[in-house]
């Protein structure tokens, strides 16, 4: 048994407990995130529809902007940070991504094998007529 007593201070937070912010601070965070998301969206549309950007670099630029927008959404709206209290959020996000990749990858795999193994449509019609 320990004789030491631990006094709780303002900054002594257990994992999972979040520091309380005022409503104004939270609204400012959401507005900044919305502004960044709108800026990235507008930039994506501008890059896709202009001739000012070197044409072969447009897909790479759109991918970079999409990844940046995912980062903005994760930080400003889903509040995913590197803190120890966000472990469950990160694990839930990773599991969700795993499920999405399995569903999309499985669908593409099945469609590719169906496309490879199905006879052309004119042969199919001749076989059944």
C-alpha atoms as a PDB file:
ATOM      1  CA  UNK A   1       0.000   0.000   0.000  1.00  0.00           C
ATOM      2  CA  UNK A   2       1.205   3.425  -0.827  1.00  0.00           C
ATOM      3  CA  UNK A   3       1.091   6.333   1.540  1.00  0.00           C
ATOM      4  CA  UNK A   4       1.265   8.808  -1.286  1.00  0.00           C
ATOM      5  CA  UNK A   5      -1.854  10.677  -2.257  1.00  0.00           C
ATOM      6  CA  UNK A   6      -2.244  12.059  -5.725  1.00  0.00           C
ATOM      7  CA  UNK A   7      -3.871  15.450  -5.978  1.00  0.00           C
ATOM      8  CA  UNK A   8      -5.831  15.977  -9.167  1.00  0.00           C
ATOM      9  CA  UNK A   9      -4.765  19.094 -10.976  1.00  0.00           C
ATOM     10  CA  UNK A  10      -6.369  20.830 -13.947  1.00  0.00           C
ATOM     11  CA  UNK A  11      -4.030  19.156 -16.452  1.00  0.00           C
ATOM     12  CA  UNK A  12      -4.042  15.678 -14.907  1.00  0.00           C
ATOM     13  CA  UNK A  13      -6.374  13.844 -17.282  1.00  0.00           C
ATOM     14  CA  UNK A  14      -6.779  10.111 -17.527  1.00  0.00           C
ATOM     15  CA  UNK A  15      -6.737   8.490 -20.970  1.00  0.00           C
ATOM     16  CA  UNK A  16     -10.167   8.837 -22.521  1.00  0.00           C
ATOM     17  CA  UNK A  17     -11.013  12.024 -20.660  1.00  0.00           C
ATOM     18  CA  UNK A  18     -10.956  15.046 -22.876  1.00  0.00           C
ATOM     19  CA  UNK A  19     -10.211  18.532 -21.793  1.00  0.00           C
ATOM     20  CA  UNK A  20     -13.357  20.633 -21.852  1.00  0.00           C
ATOM     21  CA  UNK A  21     -13.284  23.464 -24.364  1.00  0.00           C
ATOM     22  CA  UNK A  22     -15.695  26.338 -24.565  1.00  0.00           C
ATOM     23  CA  UNK A  23     -18.357  26.339 -27.239  1.00  0.00           C
ATOM     24  CA  UNK A  24     -16.639  29.240 -28.996  1.00  0.00           C
ATOM     25  CA  UNK A  25     -13.328  27.336 -29.275  1.00  0.00           C
ATOM     26  CA  UNK A  26     -15.093  24.299 -30.691  1.00  0.00           C
ATOM     27  CA  UNK A  27     -17.006  26.396 -33.233  1.00  0.00           C
ATOM     28  CA  UNK A  28     -13.788  28.107 -34.348  1.00  0.00           C
ATOM     29  CA  UNK A  29     -12.192  24.667 -34.872  1.00  0.00           C
ATOM     30  CA  UNK A  30     -15.131  23.490 -36.973  1.00  0.00           C
ATOM     31  CA  UNK A  31     -15.176  26.709 -39.019  1.00  0.00           C
ATOM     32  CA  UNK A  32     -11.427  26.439 -39.714  1.00  0.00           C
ATOM     33  CA  UNK A  33     -11.912  22.808 -40.791  1.00  0.00           C
ATOM     34  CA  UNK A  34     -14.835  23.776 -43.019  1.00  0.00           C
ATOM     35  CA  UNK A  35     -12.790  26.561 -44.596  1.00  0.00           C
ATOM     36  CA  UNK A  36      -9.880  24.228 -45.310  1.00  0.00           C
ATOM     37  CA  UNK A  37     -12.201  21.554 -46.725  1.00  0.00           C
ATOM     38  CA  UNK A  38     -13.891  24.096 -49.001  1.00  0.00           C
ATOM     39  CA  UNK A  39     -10.526  25.470 -50.122  1.00  0.00           C
ATOM     40  CA  UNK A  40      -9.241  21.989 -50.965  1.00  0.00           C
ATOM     41  CA  UNK A  41     -12.470  21.145 -52.819  1.00  0.00           C
ATOM     42  CA  UNK A  42     -12.368  24.355 -54.840  1.00  0.00           C
ATOM     43  CA  UNK A  43      -8.697  23.763 -55.633  1.00  0.00           C
ATOM     44  CA  UNK A  44      -9.502  20.244 -56.859  1.00  0.00           C
ATOM     45  CA  UNK A  45     -12.208  21.537 -59.191  1.00  0.00           C
ATOM     46  CA  UNK A  46      -9.904  24.311 -60.412  1.00  0.00           C
ATOM     47  CA  UNK A  47      -7.061  21.895 -61.156  1.00  0.00           C
ATOM     48  CA  UNK A  48      -9.365  19.428 -62.923  1.00  0.00           C
ATOM     49  CA  UNK A  49     -10.879  22.079 -65.169  1.00  0.00           C
ATOM     50  CA  UNK A  50      -7.964  24.312 -66.102  1.00  0.00           C
ATOM     51  CA  UNK A  51      -5.213  24.250 -68.679  1.00  0.00           C
ATOM     52  CA  UNK A  52      -2.814  26.133 -66.387  1.00  0.00           C
ATOM     53  CA  UNK A  53      -1.572  22.880 -64.842  1.00  0.00           C
ATOM     54  CA  UNK A  54       0.592  20.388 -66.736  1.00  0.00           C
ATOM     55  CA  UNK A  55      -1.962  17.806 -67.889  1.00  0.00           C
ATOM     56  CA  UNK A  56      -0.108  14.577 -66.899  1.00  0.00           C
ATOM     57  CA  UNK A  57       0.259  15.882 -63.321  1.00  0.00           C
ATOM     58  CA  UNK A  58      -3.471  16.404 -62.749  1.00  0.00           C
ATOM     59  CA  UNK A  59      -4.201  12.885 -61.360  1.00  0.00           C
ATOM     60  CA  UNK A  60      -1.281  13.149 -58.933  1.00  0.00           C
ATOM     61  CA  UNK A  61      -2.396  16.617 -57.817  1.00  0.00           C
ATOM     62  CA  UNK A  62      -5.962  15.386 -57.256  1.00  0.00           C
ATOM     63  CA  UNK A  63      -4.704  12.426 -55.212  1.00  0.00           C
ATOM     64  CA  UNK A  64      -2.568  14.725 -53.062  1.00  0.00           C
ATOM     65  CA  UNK A  65      -5.494  17.098 -52.513  1.00  0.00           C
ATOM     66  CA  UNK A  66      -7.777  14.167 -51.644  1.00  0.00           C
ATOM     67  CA  UNK A  67      -5.317  12.871 -49.044  1.00  0.00           C
ATOM     68  CA  UNK A  68      -5.008  16.380 -47.604  1.00  0.00           C
ATOM     69  CA  UNK A  69      -8.781  16.635 -47.398  1.00  0.00           C
ATOM     70  CA  UNK A  70      -8.977  13.289 -45.607  1.00  0.00           C
ATOM     71  CA  UNK A  71      -6.447  14.615 -43.121  1.00  0.00           C
ATOM     72  CA  UNK A  72      -8.513  17.770 -42.558  1.00  0.00           C
ATOM     73  CA  UNK A  73     -11.630  15.684 -41.921  1.00  0.00           C
ATOM     74  CA  UNK A  74      -9.816  13.331 -39.555  1.00  0.00           C
ATOM     75  CA  UNK A  75      -8.319  16.141 -37.481  1.00  0.00           C
ATOM     76  CA  UNK A  76     -10.998  18.831 -37.466  1.00  0.00           C
ATOM     77  CA  UNK A  77     -14.222  16.807 -37.584  1.00  0.00           C
ATOM     78  CA  UNK A  78     -13.405  13.316 -36.280  1.00  0.00           C
ATOM     79  CA  UNK A  79     -10.833  14.659 -33.768  1.00  0.00           C
ATOM     80  CA  UNK A  80      -8.288  11.934 -34.511  1.00  0.00           C
ATOM     81  CA  UNK A  81      -4.994  12.930 -32.901  1.00  0.00           C
ATOM     82  CA  UNK A  82      -1.848  11.165 -31.749  1.00  0.00           C
ATOM     83  CA  UNK A  83      -2.811  11.368 -28.084  1.00  0.00           C
ATOM     84  CA  UNK A  84      -3.119   8.236 -25.958  1.00  0.00           C
ATOM     85  CA  UNK A  85      -6.835   8.869 -25.468  1.00  0.00           C
ATOM     86  CA  UNK A  86      -7.518   8.360 -29.186  1.00  0.00           C
ATOM     87  CA  UNK A  87      -6.367   4.752 -29.440  1.00  0.00           C
ATOM     88  CA  UNK A  88      -9.923   3.418 -29.714  1.00  0.00           C
ATOM     89  CA  UNK A  89     -10.803   5.985 -32.383  1.00  0.00           C
ATOM     90  CA  UNK A  90      -7.756   5.074 -34.457  1.00  0.00           C
ATOM     91  CA  UNK A  91      -8.465   1.342 -34.109  1.00  0.00           C
ATOM     92  CA  UNK A  92     -12.102   1.853 -35.122  1.00  0.00           C
ATOM     93  CA  UNK A  93     -10.973   3.886 -38.132  1.00  0.00           C
ATOM     94  CA  UNK A  94      -8.422   1.224 -39.113  1.00  0.00           C
ATOM     95  CA  UNK A  95     -11.051  -1.529 -38.818  1.00  0.00           C
ATOM     96  CA  UNK A  96     -13.485   0.493 -40.932  1.00  0.00           C
ATOM     97  CA  UNK A  97     -10.833   1.004 -43.604  1.00  0.00           C
ATOM     98  CA  UNK A  98     -10.047  -2.735 -43.548  1.00  0.00           C
ATOM     99  CA  UNK A  99     -13.704  -3.586 -44.117  1.00  0.00           C
ATOM    100  CA  UNK A 100     -14.022  -1.044 -46.956  1.00  0.00           C
ATOM    101  CA  UNK A 101     -10.864  -2.323 -48.669  1.00  0.00           C
ATOM    102  CA  UNK A 102     -12.018  -5.938 -48.306  1.00  0.00           C
ATOM    103  CA  UNK A 103     -15.434  -5.177 -49.793  1.00  0.00           C
ATOM    104  CA  UNK A 104     -14.101  -3.028 -52.648  1.00  0.00           C
ATOM    105  CA  UNK A 105     -11.134  -5.317 -53.337  1.00  0.00           C
ATOM    106  CA  UNK A 106     -13.313  -8.426 -53.237  1.00  0.00           C
ATOM    107  CA  UNK A 107     -15.816  -6.855 -55.602  1.00  0.00           C
ATOM    108  CA  UNK A 108     -13.112  -5.862 -58.083  1.00  0.00           C
ATOM    109  CA  UNK A 109     -11.529  -9.325 -57.812  1.00  0.00           C
ATOM    110  CA  UNK A 110     -14.838 -11.091 -58.466  1.00  0.00           C
ATOM    111  CA  UNK A 111     -15.677  -8.830 -61.407  1.00  0.00           C
ATOM    112  CA  UNK A 112     -12.212  -9.348 -62.914  1.00  0.00           C
ATOM    113  CA  UNK A 113     -12.559 -13.131 -62.683  1.00  0.00           C
ATOM    114  CA  UNK A 114     -16.080 -13.028 -64.112  1.00  0.00           C
ATOM    115  CA  UNK A 115     -14.840 -10.898 -66.985  1.00  0.00           C
ATOM    116  CA  UNK A 116     -11.965 -13.292 -67.617  1.00  0.00           C
ATOM    117  CA  UNK A 117     -13.994 -16.515 -67.360  1.00  0.00           C
ATOM    118  CA  UNK A 118     -17.219 -15.514 -69.101  1.00  0.00           C
ATOM    119  CA  UNK A 119     -17.459 -16.175 -72.832  1.00  0.00           C
ATOM    120  CA  UNK A 120     -18.095 -13.222 -75.126  1.00  0.00           C
ATOM    121  CA  UNK A 121     -21.755 -12.312 -75.393  1.00  0.00           C
ATOM    122  CA  UNK A 122     -22.165 -13.413 -79.040  1.00  0.00           C
ATOM    123  CA  UNK A 123     -20.940 -16.928 -78.159  1.00  0.00           C
ATOM    124  CA  UNK A 124     -23.336 -16.966 -75.185  1.00  0.00           C
ATOM    125  CA  UNK A 125     -26.283 -16.090 -77.414  1.00  0.00           C
ATOM    126  CA  UNK A 126     -25.334 -18.768 -80.004  1.00  0.00           C
ATOM    127  CA  UNK A 127     -24.987 -21.408 -77.265  1.00  0.00           C
ATOM    128  CA  UNK A 128     -28.497 -20.739 -75.896  1.00  0.00           C
ATOM    129  CA  UNK A 129     -30.404 -20.229 -79.125  1.00  0.00           C
END
